[in-house]
Amino acid sequence: MRNYLAIITLMVVFACSSSNVPKGILSEKEITPILVDIHLAEGLYTQRYIQKITRDNYQEDLYLSVLKKHKVDQKVLEASILYYGKYPEKYKLVYDEVLNQLNEFDVKLRAKDSIQHAKKK
């Protein structure tokens, strides 16, 4: 899991253009929600001590749950990450969309928190 997080962190630097991808590689449309969920899982992992979760394999469990949710084999994701790493122009578009979705998620959560906070007053 740590290797994937390092690779994914490096991907933020890369760029992306749309085109076809080889067989066995996730398309831009397929990899985007997986990367969004991996980032959300990373967020959960950073909160593990606040949640009093101390299992050694918690990070790996989160990662595997993302793969299971998207019905993606680990090797396919690894190959896809390596593929996009070779084509930074393609990764930029993917990561722009990943960041847009994460930002939208953040805005919705903040709005929900504001509404709940206002109801308590």
N, C-alpha and C. Protein backbone atom coordinates (compact mmCIF):
# COMPACT_ATOMS: atom_id res chain seq x y z
N MET A 1 0.83 -1.20 0.00
CA MET A 1 0.00 0.00 0.00
C MET A 1 0.87 1.25 0.00
N ARG A 2 1.93 1.24 0.76
CA ARG A 2 2.78 2.43 0.84
C ARG A 2 3.37 2.77 -0.52
N ASN A 3 3.74 1.75 -1.31
CA ASN A 3 4.28 2.00 -2.64
C ASN A 3 3.24 2.67 -3.53
N TYR A 4 1.99 2.24 -3.40
CA TYR A 4 0.93 2.82 -4.22
C TYR A 4 0.70 4.27 -3.83
N LEU A 5 0.75 4.55 -2.53
CA LEU A 5 0.55 5.92 -2.08
C LEU A 5 1.65 6.82 -2.60
N ALA A 6 2.88 6.33 -2.61
CA ALA A 6 3.98 7.12 -3.14
C ALA A 6 3.80 7.37 -4.63
N ILE A 7 3.41 6.34 -5.37
CA ILE A 7 3.18 6.48 -6.80
C ILE A 7 2.04 7.46 -7.06
N ILE A 8 0.98 7.33 -6.29
CA ILE A 8 -0.18 8.20 -6.49
C ILE A 8 0.17 9.64 -6.14
N THR A 9 0.97 9.84 -5.11
CA THR A 9 1.39 11.19 -4.76
C THR A 9 2.19 11.80 -5.90
N LEU A 10 3.06 11.01 -6.51
CA LEU A 10 3.84 11.52 -7.64
C LEU A 10 2.96 11.85 -8.83
N MET A 11 1.84 11.17 -8.97
CA MET A 11 0.96 11.38 -10.11
C MET A 11 0.39 12.79 -10.13
N VAL A 12 0.28 13.42 -8.98
CA VAL A 12 -0.28 14.76 -8.92
C VAL A 12 0.54 15.72 -9.76
N VAL A 13 1.82 15.44 -9.89
CA VAL A 13 2.71 16.30 -10.65
C VAL A 13 2.51 16.15 -12.15
N PHE A 14 1.99 15.01 -12.56
CA PHE A 14 1.89 14.71 -13.99
C PHE A 14 0.68 15.36 -14.66
N ALA A 15 0.68 15.30 -15.99
CA ALA A 15 -0.41 15.88 -16.78
C ALA A 15 -1.08 14.80 -17.64
N CYS A 16 -2.22 15.17 -18.30
CA CYS A 16 -3.00 14.12 -18.98
C CYS A 16 -3.76 14.63 -20.21
N SER A 17 -3.77 13.89 -21.34
CA SER A 17 -4.61 14.20 -22.49
C SER A 17 -5.43 12.97 -22.82
N SER A 18 -6.59 13.16 -23.43
CA SER A 18 -7.42 11.99 -23.66
C SER A 18 -7.00 11.26 -24.94
N SER A 19 -6.94 9.96 -24.84
CA SER A 19 -6.69 9.08 -25.97
C SER A 19 -6.96 7.67 -25.50
N ASN A 20 -6.91 6.73 -26.41
CA ASN A 20 -7.15 5.34 -26.06
C ASN A 20 -5.98 4.78 -25.26
N VAL A 21 -6.29 3.82 -24.42
CA VAL A 21 -5.26 3.16 -23.62
C VAL A 21 -5.19 1.70 -24.04
N PRO A 22 -4.04 1.05 -23.83
CA PRO A 22 -3.91 -0.35 -24.22
C PRO A 22 -4.81 -1.27 -23.41
N LYS A 23 -5.02 -2.46 -23.94
CA LYS A 23 -5.81 -3.47 -23.24
C LYS A 23 -5.14 -3.79 -21.91
N GLY A 24 -5.96 -3.97 -20.88
CA GLY A 24 -5.43 -4.27 -19.56
C GLY A 24 -5.09 -3.05 -18.74
N ILE A 25 -5.33 -1.87 -19.31
CA ILE A 25 -5.08 -0.59 -18.63
C ILE A 25 -6.42 0.09 -18.43
N LEU A 26 -6.62 0.61 -17.24
CA LEU A 26 -7.87 1.31 -16.95
C LEU A 26 -7.94 2.61 -17.75
N SER A 27 -9.11 2.89 -18.30
CA SER A 27 -9.31 4.14 -19.02
C SER A 27 -9.32 5.29 -18.02
N GLU A 28 -9.22 6.49 -18.55
CA GLU A 28 -9.27 7.68 -17.70
C GLU A 28 -10.57 7.70 -16.89
N LYS A 29 -11.64 7.31 -17.54
CA LYS A 29 -12.95 7.31 -16.88
C LYS A 29 -13.01 6.24 -15.78
N GLU A 30 -12.34 5.12 -15.99
CA GLU A 30 -12.34 4.03 -15.01
C GLU A 30 -11.42 4.30 -13.82
N ILE A 31 -10.26 4.89 -14.08
CA ILE A 31 -9.29 5.08 -13.01
C ILE A 31 -9.63 6.26 -12.10
N THR A 32 -10.34 7.24 -12.62
CA THR A 32 -10.65 8.44 -11.84
C THR A 32 -11.38 8.12 -10.54
N PRO A 33 -12.51 7.39 -10.56
CA PRO A 33 -13.20 7.13 -9.28
C PRO A 33 -12.37 6.26 -8.33
N ILE A 34 -11.51 5.42 -8.87
CA ILE A 34 -10.65 4.60 -8.02
C ILE A 34 -9.66 5.49 -7.29
N LEU A 35 -9.06 6.44 -8.01
CA LEU A 35 -8.12 7.36 -7.38
C LEU A 35 -8.80 8.25 -6.36
N VAL A 36 -10.03 8.67 -6.65
CA VAL A 36 -10.80 9.46 -5.67
C VAL A 36 -10.97 8.65 -4.39
N ASP A 37 -11.39 7.40 -4.53
CA ASP A 37 -11.60 6.56 -3.36
C ASP A 37 -10.30 6.25 -2.63
N ILE A 38 -9.19 6.12 -3.35
CA ILE A 38 -7.91 5.90 -2.69
C ILE A 38 -7.55 7.12 -1.85
N HIS A 39 -7.78 8.29 -2.36
CA HIS A 39 -7.50 9.50 -1.58
C HIS A 39 -8.41 9.61 -0.36
N LEU A 40 -9.66 9.24 -0.52
CA LEU A 40 -10.57 9.24 0.63
C LEU A 40 -10.12 8.21 1.67
N ALA A 41 -9.65 7.06 1.19
CA ALA A 41 -9.13 6.03 2.10
C ALA A 41 -7.89 6.54 2.82
N GLU A 42 -7.04 7.28 2.13
CA GLU A 42 -5.87 7.87 2.77
C GLU A 42 -6.30 8.83 3.88
N GLY A 43 -7.35 9.58 3.61
CA GLY A 43 -7.88 10.48 4.63
C GLY A 43 -8.37 9.71 5.84
N LEU A 44 -9.07 8.62 5.62
CA LEU A 44 -9.51 7.78 6.74
C LEU A 44 -8.32 7.24 7.52
N TYR A 45 -7.30 6.83 6.78
CA TYR A 45 -6.13 6.26 7.43
C TYR A 45 -5.44 7.29 8.33
N THR A 46 -5.38 8.54 7.88
CA THR A 46 -4.73 9.57 8.70
C THR A 46 -5.53 9.87 9.97
N GLN A 47 -6.80 9.50 9.97
CA GLN A 47 -7.65 9.73 11.15
C GLN A 47 -7.72 8.51 12.07
N ARG A 48 -6.92 7.50 11.81
CA ARG A 48 -7.03 6.23 12.55
C ARG A 48 -6.85 6.38 14.05
N TYR A 49 -5.99 7.26 14.50
CA TYR A 49 -5.77 7.39 15.94
C TYR A 49 -6.91 8.13 16.62
N ILE A 50 -7.49 9.08 15.91
CA ILE A 50 -8.67 9.77 16.44
C ILE A 50 -9.82 8.78 16.58
N GLN A 51 -9.92 7.86 15.62
CA GLN A 51 -10.97 6.84 15.63
C GLN A 51 -10.58 5.65 16.50
N LYS A 52 -9.37 5.70 17.08
CA LYS A 52 -8.86 4.64 17.95
C LYS A 52 -8.76 3.30 17.22
N ILE A 53 -8.32 3.37 15.97
CA ILE A 53 -8.09 2.18 15.17
C ILE A 53 -6.58 1.95 15.13
N THR A 54 -6.14 0.85 15.69
CA THR A 54 -4.70 0.62 15.78
C THR A 54 -4.26 -0.67 15.08
N ARG A 55 -5.13 -1.26 14.28
CA ARG A 55 -4.76 -2.48 13.56
C ARG A 55 -3.60 -2.19 12.62
N ASP A 56 -2.65 -3.10 12.59
CA ASP A 56 -1.48 -2.93 11.72
C ASP A 56 -1.85 -2.94 10.25
N ASN A 57 -2.84 -3.69 9.87
CA ASN A 57 -3.19 -3.83 8.46
C ASN A 57 -4.35 -2.92 8.03
N TYR A 58 -4.66 -1.90 8.80
CA TYR A 58 -5.78 -1.01 8.49
C TYR A 58 -5.59 -0.33 7.13
N GLN A 59 -4.39 0.15 6.85
CA GLN A 59 -4.14 0.83 5.58
C GLN A 59 -4.34 -0.13 4.41
N GLU A 60 -3.83 -1.33 4.54
CA GLU A 60 -4.00 -2.32 3.48
C GLU A 60 -5.47 -2.70 3.32
N ASP A 61 -6.19 -2.82 4.43
CA ASP A 61 -7.63 -3.13 4.37
C ASP A 61 -8.39 -2.06 3.60
N LEU A 62 -8.05 -0.80 3.85
CA LEU A 62 -8.71 0.30 3.14
C LEU A 62 -8.43 0.22 1.64
N TYR A 63 -7.18 -0.01 1.30
CA TYR A 63 -6.80 -0.11 -0.10
C TYR A 63 -7.52 -1.27 -0.78
N LEU A 64 -7.53 -2.43 -0.14
CA LEU A 64 -8.19 -3.60 -0.72
C LEU A 64 -9.69 -3.38 -0.85
N SER A 65 -10.27 -2.63 0.09
CA SER A 65 -11.71 -2.35 -0.01
C SER A 65 -12.02 -1.48 -1.23
N VAL A 66 -11.10 -0.58 -1.58
CA VAL A 66 -11.28 0.24 -2.78
C VAL A 66 -11.24 -0.65 -4.02
N LEU A 67 -10.27 -1.56 -4.06
CA LEU A 67 -10.17 -2.48 -5.20
C LEU A 67 -11.43 -3.33 -5.31
N LYS A 68 -11.90 -3.83 -4.19
CA LYS A 68 -13.09 -4.67 -4.19
C LYS A 68 -14.31 -3.88 -4.65
N LYS A 69 -14.46 -2.67 -4.14
CA LYS A 69 -15.60 -1.82 -4.51
C LYS A 69 -15.66 -1.61 -6.02
N HIS A 70 -14.51 -1.39 -6.62
CA HIS A 70 -14.46 -1.10 -8.05
C HIS A 70 -14.24 -2.35 -8.90
N LYS A 71 -14.17 -3.50 -8.23
CA LYS A 71 -13.96 -4.78 -8.92
C LYS A 71 -12.76 -4.72 -9.86
N VAL A 72 -11.65 -4.25 -9.29
CA VAL A 72 -10.41 -4.10 -10.05
C VAL A 72 -9.33 -4.94 -9.39
N ASP A 73 -8.60 -5.67 -10.21
CA ASP A 73 -7.48 -6.45 -9.74
C ASP A 73 -6.30 -5.52 -9.42
N GLN A 74 -5.57 -5.86 -8.38
CA GLN A 74 -4.44 -5.05 -7.95
C GLN A 74 -3.42 -4.88 -9.08
N LYS A 75 -3.17 -5.93 -9.83
CA LYS A 75 -2.19 -5.86 -10.92
C LYS A 75 -2.65 -4.93 -12.04
N VAL A 76 -3.95 -4.88 -12.28
CA VAL A 76 -4.48 -3.97 -13.30
C VAL A 76 -4.28 -2.52 -12.86
N LEU A 77 -4.54 -2.25 -11.59
CA LEU A 77 -4.34 -0.89 -11.08
C LEU A 77 -2.86 -0.52 -11.13
N GLU A 78 -2.01 -1.43 -10.71
CA GLU A 78 -0.56 -1.17 -10.76
C GLU A 78 -0.11 -0.87 -12.19
N ALA A 79 -0.54 -1.70 -13.13
CA ALA A 79 -0.17 -1.50 -14.54
C ALA A 79 -0.70 -0.16 -15.06
N SER A 80 -1.90 0.19 -14.63
CA SER A 80 -2.50 1.44 -15.07
C SER A 80 -1.74 2.63 -14.51
N ILE A 81 -1.35 2.56 -13.25
CA ILE A 81 -0.58 3.65 -12.64
C ILE A 81 0.76 3.80 -13.35
N LEU A 82 1.40 2.69 -13.64
CA LEU A 82 2.68 2.75 -14.36
C LEU A 82 2.49 3.31 -15.77
N TYR A 83 1.41 2.90 -16.43
CA TYR A 83 1.13 3.39 -17.78
C TYR A 83 0.96 4.91 -17.76
N TYR A 84 0.09 5.41 -16.90
CA TYR A 84 -0.16 6.85 -16.86
C TYR A 84 1.08 7.61 -16.42
N GLY A 85 1.92 6.98 -15.59
CA GLY A 85 3.16 7.62 -15.18
C GLY A 85 4.10 7.87 -16.36
N LYS A 86 3.96 7.07 -17.39
CA LYS A 86 4.78 7.25 -18.59
C LYS A 86 4.22 8.35 -19.50
N TYR A 87 2.98 8.73 -19.28
CA TYR A 87 2.31 9.73 -20.12
C TYR A 87 1.75 10.84 -19.25
N PRO A 88 2.62 11.70 -18.75
CA PRO A 88 2.18 12.75 -17.83
C PRO A 88 1.07 13.63 -18.39
N GLU A 89 1.06 13.83 -19.69
CA GLU A 89 0.01 14.67 -20.28
C GLU A 89 -1.36 14.03 -20.11
N LYS A 90 -1.41 12.71 -20.08
CA LYS A 90 -2.69 12.02 -19.86
C LYS A 90 -3.10 12.10 -18.39
N TYR A 91 -2.09 12.02 -17.52
CA TYR A 91 -2.40 12.01 -16.09
C TYR A 91 -2.95 13.34 -15.60
N LYS A 92 -2.57 14.42 -16.24
CA LYS A 92 -3.07 15.72 -15.79
C LYS A 92 -4.58 15.79 -15.87
N LEU A 93 -5.14 15.33 -16.98
CA LEU A 93 -6.60 15.35 -17.11
C LEU A 93 -7.25 14.44 -16.07
N VAL A 94 -6.66 13.28 -15.86
CA VAL A 94 -7.20 12.36 -14.84
C VAL A 94 -7.17 13.05 -13.48
N TYR A 95 -6.02 13.58 -13.12
CA TYR A 95 -5.89 14.17 -11.79
C TYR A 95 -6.66 15.46 -11.63
N ASP A 96 -6.83 16.21 -12.71
CA ASP A 96 -7.72 17.38 -12.64
C ASP A 96 -9.12 16.95 -12.24
N GLU A 97 -9.60 15.86 -12.84
CA GLU A 97 -10.94 15.36 -12.51
C GLU A 97 -10.98 14.78 -11.09
N VAL A 98 -9.94 14.08 -10.69
CA VAL A 98 -9.86 13.55 -9.32
C VAL A 98 -9.97 14.70 -8.33
N LEU A 99 -9.19 15.74 -8.55
CA LEU A 99 -9.20 16.89 -7.64
C LEU A 99 -10.54 17.61 -7.67
N ASN A 100 -11.16 17.72 -8.86
CA ASN A 100 -12.50 18.33 -8.94
C ASN A 100 -13.51 17.54 -8.11
N GLN A 101 -13.47 16.21 -8.23
CA GLN A 101 -14.42 15.39 -7.46
C GLN A 101 -14.17 15.48 -5.97
N LEU A 102 -12.90 15.49 -5.57
CA LEU A 102 -12.58 15.62 -4.14
C LEU A 102 -13.01 16.99 -3.62
N ASN A 103 -12.82 18.03 -4.41
CA ASN A 103 -13.26 19.37 -4.00
C ASN A 103 -14.77 19.45 -3.88
N GLU A 104 -15.49 18.84 -4.83
CA GLU A 104 -16.95 18.82 -4.76
C GLU A 104 -17.42 18.08 -3.50
N PHE A 105 -16.77 16.99 -3.21
CA PHE A 105 -17.08 16.22 -2.01
C PHE A 105 -16.86 17.07 -0.76
N ASP A 106 -15.76 17.80 -0.73
CA ASP A 106 -15.44 18.67 0.40
C ASP A 106 -16.48 19.77 0.56
N VAL A 107 -16.87 20.38 -0.54
CA VAL A 107 -17.88 21.45 -0.49
C VAL A 107 -19.21 20.91 0.07
N LYS A 108 -19.61 19.73 -0.40
CA LYS A 108 -20.86 19.13 0.08
C LYS A 108 -20.78 18.82 1.57
N LEU A 109 -19.65 18.29 2.02
CA LEU A 109 -19.50 17.97 3.45
C LEU A 109 -19.52 19.23 4.30
N ARG A 110 -18.85 20.28 3.83
CA ARG A 110 -18.83 21.54 4.59
C ARG A 110 -20.24 22.14 4.67
N ALA A 111 -20.98 22.06 3.57
CA ALA A 111 -22.35 22.57 3.57
C ALA A 111 -23.21 21.77 4.55
N LYS A 112 -23.05 20.47 4.53
CA LYS A 112 -23.81 19.61 5.45
C LYS A 112 -23.45 19.93 6.89
N ASP A 113 -22.16 20.11 7.16
CA ASP A 113 -21.72 20.46 8.51
C ASP A 113 -22.29 21.80 8.95
N SER A 114 -22.34 22.75 8.04
CA SER A 114 -22.88 24.07 8.36
C SER A 114 -24.36 23.99 8.70
N ILE A 115 -25.08 23.18 7.93
CA ILE A 115 -26.52 23.03 8.19
C ILE A 115 -26.73 22.35 9.54
N GLN A 116 -25.98 21.31 9.82
CA GLN A 116 -26.11 20.62 11.12
C GLN A 116 -25.72 21.52 12.28
N HIS A 117 -24.69 22.33 12.08
CA HIS A 117 -24.27 23.27 13.13
C HIS A 117 -25.35 24.32 13.38
N ALA A 118 -25.98 24.81 12.31
CA ALA A 118 -27.03 25.81 12.45
C ALA A 118 -28.26 25.22 13.15
N LYS A 119 -28.57 23.95 12.91
CA LYS A 119 -29.71 23.30 13.55
C LYS A 119 -29.49 23.14 15.04
N LYS A 120 -28.26 22.96 15.45
CA LYS A 120 -27.96 22.78 16.87
C LYS A 120 -28.11 24.07 17.65
N LYS A 121 -27.99 25.21 16.98
CA LYS A 121 -28.10 26.51 17.67
C LYS A 121 -29.49 26.92 17.86
